[in-house]
């Protein structure tokens, strides 16, 4: 205890001599216990008003000091807007345990209240600001892996505030997260951390856990909760296999991890453009787990789409009981000019993709051939050089696939408005209709191409393989598209079974 007191005194800042007389404990918000550890949150009442969050951590001296030491470094980080709202902390010493009590002022409303009361545009703005905070922390290699609706606030001035730093850690402190992970609420916890909770004490290493990925998954769950969408994650413990790359094993095996949304996002969100973009954004949160810079970009895209929505006359009715989506969309079409822009954009994108893949793979082949020529020993070639060449090619392939995905994603946003319009109009038509909208159908194909190439590594890898099989020959995409348009123009004039709508 004496050592602990000395360590605390060395880092004292806003330490309280006792619990403030003006503040009383209100309702219990949550409590979690594990062995000798306990983490609880209370409402702090002052003058009959809920004005503070009181957090109490109980544990042996070393565990308590570890939590305090991690947190004290972050209490005055400007990116967290914390100093203005931090009230103070105190320690209560018992025979073998210590209570570390931290009090934080609140201002505005919590994200739980935001989910119940505010318009969709306000929720998106709040998520965007939170993502920006987390991006700035990410740049400092600091991550919050268990975000909580009750402990994140947005003030009247629009400032987003994380009023609890218990789950915020620097990357090198990954183990200190694992040591107290049993105290976390599963509601906003990534599957790999839930897995660690279930298998606490039986795992030899946790070095491969990515705090960034865990943080992004938690952010995704928080984003779902703002729209009152419940995400349930089922971990089938009997089938769970742990290896160093736990994140990859969890996400690739359908037998191990299942993520389901209830109710569906299409039912929960009213705004048509917001539904489409937010669905994509949530895929990035929960499936691909890109960094917060990309997430912030997509949230900005959502805001742009909301503004554009006012220019699009549309109305959608969803009847969930019979799983029928009835869409009444006013007459609107992809114009020839919009189609030409989309075709040119697609053609230019494909040329760059061929360039990225072709030039770099040729370099690898040249290096490989030189390595072969240097050795005339078959045994060396087969047993030493081949593995080296294969490793080199696979490494280059991984880098190139990521480059292509990032490139296509940036290009997609340049023409997203036309792509989204074509996609929505094409899919608004009935499946059994004899009327085919060619312009909208082709733009809808482009929409799917950009979306899948941006978000699905397998698509970019498959294109990589095809380009190699075709010996890097670049098809004349422009001529092919023009021929396709000419073919449908001829059908339009002929007496075919289908009525093709050009406009």
Protein backbone atom coordinates (compact mmCIF):
# COMPACT_ATOMS: atom_id res chain seq x y z
CA UNK A 1 0.00 0.00 0.00
CA UNK A 2 2.82 2.41 0.88
CA UNK A 3 4.41 1.87 -2.52
CA UNK A 4 1.09 2.51 -4.19
CA UNK A 5 0.55 5.75 -2.23
CA UNK A 6 4.03 6.91 -3.24
CA UNK A 7 3.38 6.19 -6.91
CA UNK A 8 0.05 8.00 -6.78
CA UNK A 9 1.55 11.04 -5.03
CA UNK A 10 4.13 11.32 -7.80
CA UNK A 11 1.39 11.65 -10.40
CA UNK A 12 -1.21 13.56 -8.43
CA UNK A 13 -3.33 15.97 -10.44
CA UNK A 14 -6.86 16.86 -9.42
CA UNK A 15 -6.79 14.25 -6.66
CA UNK A 16 -9.66 14.73 -4.22
CA UNK A 17 -9.11 14.39 -0.47
CA UNK A 18 -12.52 12.77 -0.10
CA UNK A 19 -15.79 12.19 -1.89
CA UNK A 20 -17.40 15.61 -2.54
CA UNK A 21 -20.23 16.49 -0.14
CA UNK A 22 -22.16 18.20 -2.95
CA UNK A 23 -22.36 15.00 -5.04
CA UNK A 24 -24.33 11.88 -4.16
CA UNK A 25 -24.55 8.45 -5.76
CA UNK A 26 -27.56 8.09 -8.01
CA UNK A 27 -28.81 5.12 -10.07
CA UNK A 28 -26.42 2.33 -10.94
CA UNK A 29 -25.69 2.43 -14.69
CA UNK A 30 -23.77 -0.86 -14.92
CA UNK A 31 -21.58 -3.20 -12.90
CA UNK A 32 -19.22 -6.03 -13.89
CA UNK A 33 -17.11 -8.23 -11.61
CA UNK A 34 -14.37 -10.78 -12.16
CA UNK A 35 -12.52 -12.48 -9.31
CA UNK A 36 -11.22 -9.62 -7.12
CA UNK A 37 -11.94 -6.92 -9.78
CA UNK A 38 -15.09 -4.82 -9.94
CA UNK A 39 -16.03 -2.02 -12.35
CA UNK A 40 -19.20 -0.01 -11.75
CA UNK A 41 -20.75 3.20 -13.05
CA UNK A 42 -23.22 5.44 -11.23
CA UNK A 43 -25.09 8.61 -11.97
CA UNK A 44 -23.70 11.49 -9.92
CA UNK A 45 -26.43 13.73 -8.54
CA UNK A 46 -25.90 17.37 -7.62
CA UNK A 47 -28.76 19.64 -6.57
CA UNK A 48 -31.23 16.92 -7.57
CA UNK A 49 -29.82 16.89 -11.14
CA UNK A 50 -27.83 14.20 -12.97
CA UNK A 51 -24.57 16.05 -13.66
CA UNK A 52 -21.74 13.54 -13.27
CA UNK A 53 -20.61 10.04 -14.17
CA UNK A 54 -19.05 8.26 -11.17
CA UNK A 55 -16.84 5.31 -12.03
CA UNK A 56 -15.54 3.00 -9.35
CA UNK A 57 -12.82 0.41 -9.97
CA UNK A 58 -11.99 -2.01 -7.14
CA UNK A 59 -8.91 -4.24 -7.26
CA UNK A 60 -5.58 -5.12 -5.67
CA UNK A 61 -2.95 -2.34 -5.57
CA UNK A 62 -1.02 -3.38 -8.71
CA UNK A 63 -4.11 -3.78 -10.92
CA UNK A 64 -5.53 -0.50 -9.63
CA UNK A 65 -2.34 1.41 -10.23
CA UNK A 66 -2.01 -0.03 -13.75
CA UNK A 67 -5.48 1.31 -14.62
CA UNK A 68 -4.71 4.68 -13.06
CA UNK A 69 -1.31 5.00 -14.78
CA UNK A 70 -2.84 4.27 -18.19
CA UNK A 71 -5.62 6.76 -17.70
CA UNK A 72 -3.79 9.68 -16.12
CA UNK A 73 -1.68 10.11 -19.26
CA UNK A 74 -4.85 10.66 -21.31
CA UNK A 75 -6.87 12.84 -18.96
CA UNK A 76 -5.58 16.06 -20.49
CA UNK A 77 -5.25 15.00 -24.11
CA UNK A 78 -6.70 17.85 -26.16
CA UNK A 79 -8.12 15.43 -28.72
CA UNK A 80 -10.45 14.03 -26.09
CA UNK A 81 -11.77 17.43 -24.95
CA UNK A 82 -11.43 15.89 -21.52
CA UNK A 83 -9.88 18.48 -19.23
CA UNK A 84 -12.92 20.76 -19.39
CA UNK A 85 -15.17 17.95 -18.12
CA UNK A 86 -12.87 16.04 -15.75
CA UNK A 87 -13.85 16.70 -12.14
CA UNK A 88 -11.35 14.68 -10.12
CA UNK A 89 -10.44 11.31 -8.63
CA UNK A 90 -9.78 9.76 -5.24
CA UNK A 91 -8.59 6.50 -3.69
CA UNK A 92 -10.12 4.64 -0.79
CA UNK A 93 -7.79 2.09 0.78
CA UNK A 94 -9.00 -1.19 2.24
CA UNK A 95 -7.17 -4.15 3.73
CA UNK A 96 -6.19 -5.87 0.47
CA UNK A 97 -7.95 -3.78 -2.20
CA UNK A 98 -8.17 -0.19 -3.36
CA UNK A 99 -11.15 1.72 -4.75
CA UNK A 100 -10.17 4.07 -7.56
CA UNK A 101 -13.07 6.51 -8.02
CA UNK A 102 -13.17 8.91 -10.93
CA UNK A 103 -15.79 11.63 -11.42
CA UNK A 104 -16.54 13.26 -14.77
CA UNK A 105 -18.95 16.07 -15.58
CA UNK A 106 -21.51 15.49 -18.27
CA UNK A 107 -22.86 18.02 -20.73
CA UNK A 108 -25.59 17.57 -23.32
CA UNK A 109 -27.01 14.12 -23.99
CA UNK A 110 -25.58 10.62 -24.21
CA UNK A 111 -25.48 8.58 -27.41
CA UNK A 112 -28.21 6.39 -25.91
CA UNK A 113 -30.46 9.45 -25.66
CA UNK A 114 -29.33 10.50 -29.12
CA UNK A 115 -30.49 7.14 -30.50
CA UNK A 116 -33.97 7.68 -29.10
CA UNK A 117 -34.58 11.32 -29.90
CA UNK A 118 -32.58 12.85 -32.73
CA UNK A 119 -32.94 12.95 -36.51
CA UNK A 120 -30.74 10.79 -38.70
CA UNK A 121 -28.65 13.73 -39.90
CA UNK A 122 -27.77 14.62 -36.28
CA UNK A 123 -26.74 11.03 -35.58
CA UNK A 124 -24.49 10.93 -38.64
CA UNK A 125 -22.89 14.22 -37.61
CA UNK A 126 -22.24 12.85 -34.11
CA UNK A 127 -20.71 9.66 -35.51
CA UNK A 128 -18.53 11.71 -37.85
CA UNK A 129 -17.20 13.81 -34.96
CA UNK A 130 -16.55 10.72 -32.86
CA UNK A 131 -14.72 9.11 -35.80
CA UNK A 132 -12.55 12.23 -36.11
CA UNK A 133 -11.63 12.02 -32.41
CA UNK A 134 -10.77 8.34 -32.77
CA UNK A 135 -8.77 9.08 -35.94
CA UNK A 136 -6.65 11.62 -34.07
CA UNK A 137 -6.09 9.09 -31.30
CA UNK A 138 -5.27 6.41 -33.89
CA UNK A 139 -2.53 8.67 -35.25
CA UNK A 140 -1.06 8.62 -31.73
CA UNK A 141 -1.44 4.81 -31.61
CA UNK A 142 -4.17 5.09 -28.96
CA UNK A 143 -7.39 3.05 -29.23
CA UNK A 144 -10.69 2.64 -27.37
CA UNK A 145 -11.89 -0.95 -27.72
CA UNK A 146 -15.18 -0.78 -25.84
CA UNK A 147 -17.21 2.30 -26.74
CA UNK A 148 -20.44 2.68 -24.79
CA UNK A 149 -23.68 4.55 -25.52
CA UNK A 150 -23.99 5.66 -21.90
CA UNK A 151 -20.47 7.09 -21.69
CA UNK A 152 -20.24 9.17 -24.87
CA UNK A 153 -21.95 12.55 -24.94
CA UNK A 154 -22.63 15.31 -27.42
CA UNK A 155 -22.81 18.78 -25.91
CA UNK A 156 -25.17 21.59 -26.85
CA UNK A 157 -22.30 23.11 -28.84
CA UNK A 158 -21.94 19.87 -30.82
CA UNK A 159 -18.77 18.68 -29.07
CA UNK A 160 -18.53 14.90 -28.81
CA UNK A 161 -17.04 13.78 -25.51
CA UNK A 162 -15.85 10.36 -24.35
CA UNK A 163 -16.47 10.61 -20.60
CA UNK A 164 -14.72 7.34 -19.79
CA UNK A 165 -11.18 6.31 -20.73
CA UNK A 166 -11.12 2.94 -19.01
CA UNK A 167 -10.93 1.07 -22.32
CA UNK A 168 -8.53 3.49 -24.03
CA UNK A 169 -5.00 2.17 -24.38
CA UNK A 170 -1.81 2.79 -26.26
CA UNK A 171 -0.83 -0.02 -28.60
CA UNK A 172 2.11 -1.21 -26.53
CA UNK A 173 -0.26 -1.69 -23.60
CA UNK A 174 -2.35 -4.36 -25.32
CA UNK A 175 -1.92 -6.81 -22.46
CA UNK A 176 -3.32 -4.35 -19.92
CA UNK A 177 -6.54 -4.40 -21.96
CA UNK A 178 -6.64 -8.19 -21.92
CA UNK A 179 -6.06 -8.35 -18.17
CA UNK A 180 -9.32 -6.52 -17.45
CA UNK A 181 -11.34 -7.63 -20.50
CA UNK A 182 -13.61 -9.69 -18.28
CA UNK A 183 -15.11 -6.41 -17.00
CA UNK A 184 -16.25 -5.28 -20.48
CA UNK A 185 -19.86 -5.33 -21.70
CA UNK A 186 -20.24 -7.64 -24.70
CA UNK A 187 -22.76 -5.27 -26.29
CA UNK A 188 -20.04 -3.13 -27.88
CA UNK A 189 -17.11 -5.56 -27.89
CA UNK A 190 -15.36 -7.05 -30.95
CA UNK A 191 -15.69 -10.84 -31.43
CA UNK A 192 -12.01 -11.56 -30.86
CA UNK A 193 -12.19 -9.88 -27.45
CA UNK A 194 -15.40 -11.74 -26.61
CA UNK A 195 -13.51 -14.90 -27.51
CA UNK A 196 -10.70 -13.97 -25.13
CA UNK A 197 -13.25 -13.45 -22.37
CA UNK A 198 -14.64 -16.95 -22.89
CA UNK A 199 -11.16 -18.47 -22.93
CA UNK A 200 -9.47 -16.32 -20.29
CA UNK A 201 -6.37 -18.00 -18.90
CA UNK A 202 -6.20 -20.68 -21.62
CA UNK A 203 -4.51 -18.62 -24.35
CA UNK A 204 -0.76 -18.55 -24.65
CA UNK A 205 -0.42 -15.33 -26.64
CA UNK A 206 -2.50 -12.27 -27.48
CA UNK A 207 0.20 -10.39 -29.33
CA UNK A 208 -1.67 -10.56 -32.64
CA UNK A 209 -4.81 -8.84 -31.37
CA UNK A 210 -5.26 -5.57 -33.24
CA UNK A 211 -6.52 -2.81 -30.98
CA UNK A 212 -7.40 -0.79 -34.08
CA UNK A 213 -9.59 -3.56 -35.47
CA UNK A 214 -11.24 -4.10 -32.09
CA UNK A 215 -11.87 -0.37 -31.78
CA UNK A 216 -13.39 -0.12 -35.26
CA UNK A 217 -15.70 -3.05 -34.62
CA UNK A 218 -16.86 -1.41 -31.39
CA UNK A 219 -17.45 1.82 -33.32
CA UNK A 220 -19.52 -0.10 -35.87
CA UNK A 221 -21.71 -1.59 -33.17
CA UNK A 222 -22.15 1.86 -31.67
CA UNK A 223 -23.14 3.18 -35.10
CA UNK A 224 -25.77 0.45 -35.43
CA UNK A 225 -27.13 1.24 -31.98
CA UNK A 226 -27.68 4.90 -32.89
CA UNK A 227 -30.23 3.67 -35.43
CA UNK A 228 -31.66 1.20 -32.92
CA UNK A 229 -30.34 -1.81 -34.81
CA UNK A 230 -29.35 -4.73 -32.62
CA UNK A 231 -26.32 -6.71 -33.78
CA UNK A 232 -26.00 -10.20 -32.35
CA UNK A 233 -22.73 -12.09 -32.61
CA UNK A 234 -22.71 -15.83 -31.95
CA UNK A 235 -19.42 -17.49 -31.11
CA UNK A 236 -19.67 -21.27 -31.40
CA UNK A 237 -17.15 -22.18 -28.74
CA UNK A 238 -16.76 -25.86 -29.70
CA UNK A 239 -15.64 -24.91 -33.20
CA UNK A 240 -13.40 -22.03 -32.16
CA UNK A 241 -9.77 -22.49 -33.13
CA UNK A 242 -7.22 -20.01 -31.83
CA UNK A 243 -4.12 -19.15 -33.76
CA UNK A 244 -1.90 -16.10 -33.96
CA UNK A 245 -4.04 -14.44 -36.59
CA UNK A 246 -7.24 -14.59 -34.54
CA UNK A 247 -8.94 -11.80 -36.45
CA UNK A 248 -8.49 -13.56 -39.79
CA UNK A 249 -9.68 -16.92 -38.47
CA UNK A 250 -12.79 -15.41 -36.93
CA UNK A 251 -13.87 -13.47 -39.98
CA UNK A 252 -13.08 -16.10 -42.60
CA UNK A 253 -14.77 -19.08 -40.97
CA UNK A 254 -18.56 -19.01 -41.29
CA UNK A 255 -18.78 -21.87 -38.79
CA UNK A 256 -17.13 -19.80 -36.11
CA UNK A 257 -18.60 -16.33 -36.39
CA UNK A 258 -22.05 -15.17 -37.34
CA UNK A 259 -23.08 -11.52 -37.37
CA UNK A 260 -26.75 -10.72 -37.82
CA UNK A 261 -28.69 -7.47 -37.73
CA UNK A 262 -32.17 -7.26 -36.28
CA UNK A 263 -34.18 -5.50 -37.52
CA UNK A 264 -32.66 -5.01 -40.96
CA UNK A 265 -31.08 -1.68 -41.74
CA UNK A 266 -33.54 -1.11 -44.61
CA UNK A 267 -36.43 -1.22 -42.18
CA UNK A 268 -34.87 0.97 -39.52
CA UNK A 269 -33.73 3.93 -41.59
CA UNK A 270 -36.13 6.11 -43.56
CA UNK A 271 -33.81 8.06 -45.84
CA UNK A 272 -33.16 6.10 -49.07
CA UNK A 273 -29.71 7.52 -49.82
CA UNK A 274 -28.72 7.20 -46.18
CA UNK A 275 -29.71 3.53 -46.16
CA UNK A 276 -27.50 2.68 -49.12
CA UNK A 277 -24.43 4.61 -48.00
CA UNK A 278 -24.71 3.66 -44.33
CA UNK A 279 -25.04 -0.01 -45.28
CA UNK A 280 -21.72 0.28 -47.11
CA UNK A 281 -20.23 2.22 -44.21
CA UNK A 282 -21.26 -0.50 -41.77
CA UNK A 283 -19.63 -3.13 -43.98
CA UNK A 284 -16.42 -1.15 -43.60
CA UNK A 285 -16.89 -1.00 -39.82
CA UNK A 286 -17.80 -4.59 -39.19
CA UNK A 287 -16.33 -6.64 -42.02
CA UNK A 288 -13.29 -5.00 -43.55
CA UNK A 289 -12.26 -2.80 -40.59
CA UNK A 290 -10.41 -0.02 -42.38
CA UNK A 291 -8.85 2.79 -40.38
CA UNK A 292 -10.77 5.77 -39.04
CA UNK A 293 -9.59 7.98 -41.89
CA UNK A 294 -11.57 5.89 -44.39
CA UNK A 295 -14.53 5.69 -42.02
CA UNK A 296 -14.57 9.49 -41.67
CA UNK A 297 -14.53 9.77 -45.47
CA UNK A 298 -17.59 7.56 -45.83
CA UNK A 299 -19.44 9.42 -43.09
CA UNK A 300 -18.76 12.64 -44.99
CA UNK A 301 -20.14 10.92 -48.10
CA UNK A 302 -23.33 10.17 -46.17
CA UNK A 303 -23.74 13.86 -45.36
CA UNK A 304 -23.24 14.73 -49.04
CA UNK A 305 -25.84 12.16 -50.07
CA UNK A 306 -28.33 13.53 -47.57
CA UNK A 307 -28.03 16.96 -49.14
CA UNK A 308 -28.43 15.50 -52.63
CA UNK A 309 -31.50 13.57 -51.52
CA UNK A 310 -33.51 16.78 -51.61
CA UNK A 311 -32.89 16.95 -55.36
CA UNK A 312 -34.19 13.43 -56.04
CA UNK A 313 -37.95 12.95 -56.05
CA UNK A 314 -38.56 9.49 -54.63
CA UNK A 315 -40.65 7.67 -52.10
CA UNK A 316 -40.19 4.19 -50.64
CA UNK A 317 -42.63 2.16 -48.58
CA UNK A 318 -41.44 -0.97 -46.77
CA UNK A 319 -43.85 -3.63 -45.49
CA UNK A 320 -41.77 -5.93 -43.32
CA UNK A 321 -44.53 -8.36 -42.31
CA UNK A 322 -44.73 -9.82 -45.81
CA UNK A 323 -41.10 -8.98 -46.65
CA UNK A 324 -42.32 -6.82 -49.53
CA UNK A 325 -40.64 -3.59 -50.54
CA UNK A 326 -42.95 -1.43 -52.61
CA UNK A 327 -41.20 1.46 -54.30
CA UNK A 328 -42.93 4.39 -55.91
CA UNK A 329 -40.35 6.38 -57.77
CA UNK A 330 -41.24 9.28 -59.98
CA UNK A 331 -40.19 9.16 -63.61
CA UNK A 332 -36.44 9.66 -63.68
CA UNK A 333 -33.78 8.23 -65.93
CA UNK A 334 -30.06 7.96 -66.54
CA UNK A 335 -29.48 10.36 -69.40
CA UNK A 336 -27.18 9.58 -72.35
CA UNK A 337 -24.75 12.17 -71.01
CA UNK A 338 -24.68 10.49 -67.58
CA UNK A 339 -24.22 7.08 -69.22
CA UNK A 340 -21.30 8.38 -71.32
CA UNK A 341 -19.65 9.87 -68.23
CA UNK A 342 -20.01 6.56 -66.41
CA UNK A 343 -18.59 4.60 -69.37
CA UNK A 344 -15.60 6.91 -69.78
CA UNK A 345 -14.95 6.84 -66.04
CA UNK A 346 -15.09 3.02 -65.99
CA UNK A 347 -12.78 2.73 -69.02
CA UNK A 348 -10.19 5.07 -67.50
CA UNK A 349 -10.36 3.21 -64.18
CA UNK A 350 -9.76 -0.15 -65.87
CA UNK A 351 -6.75 1.20 -67.78
CA UNK A 352 -5.11 2.31 -64.54
CA UNK A 353 -5.89 -1.03 -62.88
CA UNK A 354 -4.20 -2.86 -65.76
CA UNK A 355 -1.24 -0.52 -65.43
CA UNK A 356 -0.90 -1.09 -61.67
CA UNK A 357 -1.06 -4.85 -62.02
CA UNK A 358 0.80 -5.32 -65.29
CA UNK A 359 3.91 -3.21 -64.77
CA UNK A 360 4.65 -4.51 -61.27
CA UNK A 361 4.03 -8.18 -62.02
CA UNK A 362 6.32 -7.95 -65.05
CA UNK A 363 9.07 -6.70 -62.72
CA UNK A 364 8.59 -9.77 -60.52
CA UNK A 365 8.81 -12.07 -63.54
CA UNK A 366 12.02 -10.38 -64.67
CA UNK A 367 13.55 -10.82 -61.20
CA UNK A 368 12.41 -14.45 -61.16
CA UNK A 369 13.96 -15.21 -64.56
CA UNK A 370 17.26 -13.64 -63.48
CA UNK A 371 17.28 -15.79 -60.34
CA UNK A 372 16.72 -18.91 -62.45
CA UNK A 373 19.53 -18.00 -64.86
CA UNK A 374 22.02 -17.52 -62.02
CA UNK A 375 21.55 -21.09 -60.83
CA UNK A 376 22.14 -24.15 -62.98
CA UNK A 377 21.55 -26.57 -60.10
CA UNK A 378 18.01 -28.08 -60.39
CA UNK A 379 17.94 -28.87 -56.67
CA UNK A 380 18.67 -25.27 -55.75
CA UNK A 381 16.08 -24.04 -58.24
CA UNK A 382 13.34 -26.34 -56.96
CA UNK A 383 13.95 -26.25 -53.21
CA UNK A 384 15.37 -22.78 -52.61
CA UNK A 385 14.52 -20.44 -55.45
CA UNK A 386 10.93 -21.53 -56.01
CA UNK A 387 9.79 -20.77 -52.44
CA UNK A 388 11.62 -17.43 -52.56
CA UNK A 389 9.96 -16.49 -55.85
CA UNK A 390 6.52 -17.61 -54.67
CA UNK A 391 6.86 -15.60 -51.46
CA UNK A 392 8.01 -12.57 -53.44
CA UNK A 393 5.07 -12.81 -55.87
CA UNK A 394 2.53 -13.31 -53.08
CA UNK A 395 3.87 -10.29 -51.21
CA UNK A 396 3.69 -8.14 -54.34
CA UNK A 397 0.18 -9.44 -55.06
CA UNK A 398 -1.05 -8.46 -51.59
CA UNK A 399 0.39 -4.95 -51.95
CA UNK A 400 -1.06 -4.47 -55.44
CA UNK A 401 -4.52 -5.71 -54.48
CA UNK A 402 -4.63 -3.16 -51.67
CA UNK A 403 -3.42 -0.40 -54.01
CA UNK A 404 -6.15 -1.24 -56.52
CA UNK A 405 -8.84 -1.34 -53.84
CA UNK A 406 -7.82 2.08 -52.53
CA UNK A 407 -7.62 3.50 -56.05
CA UNK A 408 -11.06 2.18 -57.08
CA UNK A 409 -12.55 3.45 -53.82
CA UNK A 410 -11.27 6.98 -54.48
CA UNK A 411 -12.47 6.86 -58.11
CA UNK A 412 -15.88 5.59 -57.04
CA UNK A 413 -16.52 8.66 -54.95
CA UNK A 414 -15.87 10.90 -57.96
CA UNK A 415 -18.94 9.54 -59.74
CA UNK A 416 -20.95 8.16 -56.84
CA UNK A 417 -24.00 10.31 -57.52
CA UNK A 418 -24.56 8.85 -61.02
CA UNK A 419 -23.74 5.31 -59.88
CA UNK A 420 -26.17 5.52 -56.97
CA UNK A 421 -28.90 6.97 -59.16
CA UNK A 422 -28.55 4.23 -61.78
CA UNK A 423 -28.46 1.51 -59.13
CA UNK A 424 -31.59 2.77 -57.39
CA UNK A 425 -33.59 3.31 -60.58
CA UNK A 426 -32.66 -0.07 -62.05
CA UNK A 427 -33.52 -2.01 -58.91
CA UNK A 428 -36.76 -0.09 -58.47
CA UNK A 429 -38.19 -1.88 -61.53
CA UNK A 430 -40.06 -5.15 -61.04
CA UNK A 431 -38.12 -8.38 -61.57
CA UNK A 432 -40.75 -9.81 -63.95
CA UNK A 433 -41.10 -6.63 -65.97
CA UNK A 434 -40.82 -6.82 -69.76
CA UNK A 435 -39.40 -3.32 -69.74
CA UNK A 436 -35.61 -3.20 -69.58
CA UNK A 437 -33.84 0.03 -68.71
CA UNK A 438 -30.54 -0.30 -70.54
CA UNK A 439 -28.90 2.93 -69.34
CA UNK A 440 -29.83 2.27 -65.73
CA UNK A 441 -28.83 -1.40 -65.98
CA UNK A 442 -25.35 -0.65 -67.30
CA UNK A 443 -24.74 2.06 -64.69
CA UNK A 444 -26.00 -0.36 -62.02
CA UNK A 445 -23.34 -2.82 -63.21
CA UNK A 446 -20.69 -0.10 -62.81
CA UNK A 447 -22.06 0.58 -59.31
CA UNK A 448 -21.62 -3.10 -58.37
CA UNK A 449 -18.13 -3.18 -59.90
CA UNK A 450 -16.87 -0.16 -57.95
CA UNK A 451 -18.50 -1.34 -54.73
CA UNK A 452 -17.16 -4.90 -54.87
CA UNK A 453 -13.69 -3.89 -56.05
CA UNK A 454 -13.45 -1.32 -53.24
CA UNK A 455 -14.69 -3.54 -50.43
CA UNK A 456 -14.08 -7.17 -51.33
CA UNK A 457 -10.42 -8.25 -51.53
CA UNK A 458 -11.45 -11.44 -53.37
CA UNK A 459 -12.75 -9.43 -56.33
CA UNK A 460 -9.52 -7.48 -56.71
CA UNK A 461 -7.54 -10.73 -56.40
CA UNK A 462 -9.67 -12.44 -59.05
CA UNK A 463 -9.10 -9.57 -61.48
CA UNK A 464 -5.38 -9.83 -60.70
CA UNK A 465 -5.41 -13.52 -61.68
CA UNK A 466 -7.37 -12.88 -64.88
CA UNK A 467 -4.98 -10.15 -66.02
CA UNK A 468 -2.04 -12.54 -65.56
CA UNK A 469 -3.83 -15.35 -67.43
CA UNK A 470 -4.47 -12.96 -70.33
CA UNK A 471 -0.78 -12.00 -70.48
CA UNK A 472 -1.50 -8.41 -69.44
CA UNK A 473 -3.41 -7.62 -72.64
CA UNK A 474 -5.63 -4.59 -72.12
CA UNK A 475 -9.04 -5.03 -73.78
CA UNK A 476 -10.51 -2.11 -75.69
CA UNK A 477 -13.20 -1.39 -73.11
CA UNK A 478 -14.41 1.76 -74.87
CA UNK A 479 -15.05 -0.08 -78.15
CA UNK A 480 -16.80 -2.93 -76.33
CA UNK A 481 -19.12 -0.55 -74.47
CA UNK A 482 -19.94 1.36 -77.64
CA UNK A 483 -20.73 -1.92 -79.41
CA UNK A 484 -23.00 -2.91 -76.54
CA UNK A 485 -24.87 0.40 -76.77
CA UNK A 486 -25.21 0.02 -80.54
CA UNK A 487 -26.56 -3.51 -80.16
CA UNK A 488 -29.29 -2.36 -77.79
CA UNK A 489 -30.11 0.53 -80.09
CA UNK A 490 -30.77 -2.02 -82.86
CA UNK A 491 -32.95 -4.08 -80.54
CA UNK A 492 -34.92 -0.95 -79.74
CA UNK A 493 -35.86 -0.64 -83.42
CA UNK A 494 -36.62 -4.34 -83.93
CA UNK A 495 -39.72 -6.29 -83.00
CA UNK A 496 -38.38 -8.13 -80.00
CA UNK A 497 -40.30 -9.77 -77.20
CA UNK A 498 -39.06 -7.21 -74.70
CA UNK A 499 -39.70 -3.52 -74.73
CA UNK A 500 -36.37 -1.82 -74.11
CA UNK A 501 -36.50 1.59 -72.53
CA UNK A 502 -33.62 3.71 -73.72
CA UNK A 503 -34.47 6.66 -71.56
